[in-house]
Amino acid sequence: MKHRVLFLCTHNANRSQMAEGLANHFLGGQWEAFSAGTEATAVNPRAIRVMAELGIDISNQRSKNLAEFDGQTFDRVITLCGDATEKCPYFVGGVRREHVGFDDPSRATGTEGEIMAEFRRVRDEMRQELTAHLSGGTHE
């Protein structure tokens, strides 16, 4: 049986969407990943593009509010930004709630190339850290 992980971020537009895609792609044999936000918005097209560069299609994912997961249980609930950590200090459905923070690539400024470089940097950092994090302790 797969373990379930919920990634939380404020708008469920960038980091949590990428984390969901990365976990399902690289750890799909062990984990089933979901994502939500304290406020639902829309998946950022830049996040979709940088994930496609790895062969991961998140274009069908949608931004979801945390309330959509009321009553569900998760083995891990991982917040990816400080705002989500503060607004969701407790999530009843999570056996373990953890914080693994990453920079918000949507705050990058500059040319389109510079902004996309920041999305790639955050994506690559998330890929390395989250896959190691979830592989290292799938269910302690």
Protein backbone atom coordinates (compact mmCIF):
# COMPACT_ATOMS: atom_id res chain seq x y z
CA MET A 1 0.00 0.00 0.00
CA LYS A 2 1.30 3.45 -0.92
CA HIS A 3 1.90 6.12 1.67
CA ARG A 4 0.03 9.40 1.19
CA VAL A 5 1.65 12.83 1.34
CA LEU A 6 0.00 16.23 1.12
CA PHE A 7 2.13 19.23 0.12
CA LEU A 8 0.83 22.58 1.35
CA CYS A 9 1.65 26.10 0.24
CA THR A 10 -0.30 29.34 0.33
CA HIS A 11 -1.73 29.49 -3.21
CA ASN A 12 -1.12 25.94 -4.47
CA ALA A 13 0.22 27.46 -7.67
CA ASN A 14 3.98 26.78 -7.80
CA ARG A 15 5.95 24.88 -5.16
CA SER A 16 3.22 22.54 -3.95
CA GLN A 17 2.18 21.75 -7.53
CA MET A 18 5.77 20.96 -8.50
CA ALA A 19 6.24 18.87 -5.34
CA GLU A 20 3.11 16.84 -6.13
CA GLY A 21 4.37 16.18 -9.67
CA LEU A 22 7.90 15.33 -8.55
CA ALA A 23 6.79 12.92 -5.82
CA ASN A 24 4.27 11.15 -8.04
CA HIS A 25 6.83 10.84 -10.85
CA PHE A 26 9.95 9.83 -8.92
CA LEU A 27 8.42 8.11 -5.89
CA GLY A 28 5.13 6.87 -7.33
CA GLY A 29 5.86 3.30 -6.29
CA GLN A 30 5.96 4.30 -2.61
CA TRP A 31 3.99 7.52 -2.36
CA GLU A 32 0.76 9.02 -3.64
CA ALA A 33 1.15 12.79 -3.54
CA PHE A 34 -1.45 15.55 -3.39
CA SER A 35 -1.21 19.31 -3.00
CA ALA A 36 -3.37 22.10 -1.64
CA GLY A 37 -3.19 25.69 -0.51
CA THR A 38 -4.58 27.83 2.22
CA GLU A 39 -6.07 29.81 -0.69
CA ALA A 40 -6.65 28.16 -4.07
CA THR A 41 -5.65 30.15 -7.17
CA ALA A 42 -4.37 28.62 -10.44
CA VAL A 43 -1.37 26.53 -11.45
CA ASN A 44 1.36 28.83 -12.72
CA PRO A 45 2.14 28.23 -16.43
CA ARG A 46 5.87 28.59 -15.68
CA ALA A 47 5.65 25.72 -13.17
CA ILE A 48 3.95 23.61 -15.84
CA ARG A 49 6.74 24.47 -18.33
CA VAL A 50 9.68 23.66 -16.05
CA MET A 51 8.12 20.37 -15.01
CA ALA A 52 7.55 19.46 -18.68
CA GLU A 53 11.30 19.90 -19.17
CA LEU A 54 11.73 16.83 -16.93
CA GLY A 55 9.02 14.93 -18.78
CA ILE A 56 6.48 15.49 -15.98
CA ASP A 57 3.08 16.74 -17.10
CA ILE A 58 1.29 18.73 -14.40
CA SER A 59 -0.93 20.59 -16.87
CA ASN A 60 -4.01 18.67 -15.68
CA GLN A 61 -3.37 19.46 -12.01
CA ARG A 62 -5.51 22.19 -10.50
CA SER A 63 -5.16 24.49 -7.53
CA LYS A 64 -7.07 23.12 -4.54
CA ASN A 65 -8.02 24.55 -1.17
CA LEU A 66 -7.03 22.60 1.93
CA ALA A 67 -10.73 22.16 2.76
CA GLU A 68 -11.04 19.68 -0.14
CA PHE A 69 -9.05 17.21 1.94
CA ASP A 70 -11.16 17.42 5.12
CA GLY A 71 -11.68 13.94 6.53
CA GLN A 72 -8.81 12.36 4.57
CA THR A 73 -5.72 10.94 6.23
CA PHE A 74 -2.11 11.32 5.18
CA ASP A 75 1.12 9.76 6.37
CA ARG A 76 2.88 13.08 5.92
CA VAL A 77 1.75 16.67 5.55
CA ILE A 78 4.61 18.85 4.33
CA THR A 79 4.41 22.64 4.24
CA LEU A 80 6.68 24.27 1.68
CA CYS A 81 6.33 27.95 2.65
CA GLY A 82 6.28 29.79 5.94
CA ASP A 83 2.81 31.23 5.41
CA ALA A 84 1.25 27.77 5.09
CA THR A 85 3.11 26.64 8.21
CA GLU A 86 1.63 29.52 10.19
CA LYS A 87 -1.90 29.16 8.83
CA CYS A 88 -1.95 25.35 9.12
CA PRO A 89 -0.15 24.58 12.36
CA TYR A 90 -2.29 21.46 12.77
CA PHE A 91 -3.85 19.26 10.18
CA VAL A 92 -5.86 16.46 11.77
CA GLY A 93 -5.48 14.12 8.81
CA GLY A 94 -1.70 14.14 8.96
CA VAL A 95 0.23 11.65 11.04
CA ARG A 96 3.35 13.80 10.64
CA ARG A 97 3.40 17.47 9.78
CA GLU A 98 6.74 18.81 8.65
CA HIS A 99 8.13 21.94 7.09
CA VAL A 100 10.62 21.79 4.22
CA GLY A 101 10.93 25.34 2.92
CA PHE A 102 11.83 26.51 -0.57
CA ASP A 103 12.07 29.94 -2.18
CA ASP A 104 9.00 31.16 -4.05
CA PRO A 105 9.98 31.23 -7.73
CA SER A 106 6.97 33.39 -8.60
CA ARG A 107 8.68 36.27 -6.77
CA ALA A 108 11.60 36.24 -9.20
CA THR A 109 12.13 39.36 -11.26
CA GLY A 110 14.06 40.12 -14.41
CA THR A 111 13.82 38.83 -17.93
CA GLU A 112 11.69 35.81 -18.80
CA GLY A 113 14.91 33.79 -19.02
CA GLU A 114 15.99 34.89 -15.53
CA ILE A 115 12.57 34.08 -14.07
CA MET A 116 12.53 30.66 -15.72
CA ALA A 117 16.04 30.02 -14.38
CA GLU A 118 14.70 30.63 -10.87
CA PHE A 119 11.80 28.21 -11.46
CA ARG A 120 14.33 25.60 -12.64
CA ARG A 121 16.58 26.18 -9.63
CA VAL A 122 13.69 25.74 -7.18
CA ARG A 123 12.38 22.71 -9.10
CA ASP A 124 15.80 21.03 -9.03
CA GLU A 125 16.30 21.82 -5.34
CA MET A 126 12.85 20.40 -4.57
CA ARG A 127 13.53 17.28 -6.62
CA GLN A 128 16.72 16.57 -4.68
CA GLU A 129 15.49 17.45 -1.20
CA LEU A 130 11.97 16.04 -1.31
CA THR A 131 12.88 12.74 -2.93
CA ALA A 132 15.68 12.27 -0.37
CA HIS A 133 13.36 13.35 2.46
CA LEU A 134 10.56 10.96 1.53
CA SER A 135 12.89 8.09 0.58
CA GLY A 136 14.82 8.38 3.81
CA GLY A 137 11.89 7.84 6.11
CA THR A 138 8.88 6.50 4.31
CA HIS A 139 7.09 5.60 7.52
CA GLU A 140 9.04 5.85 10.74
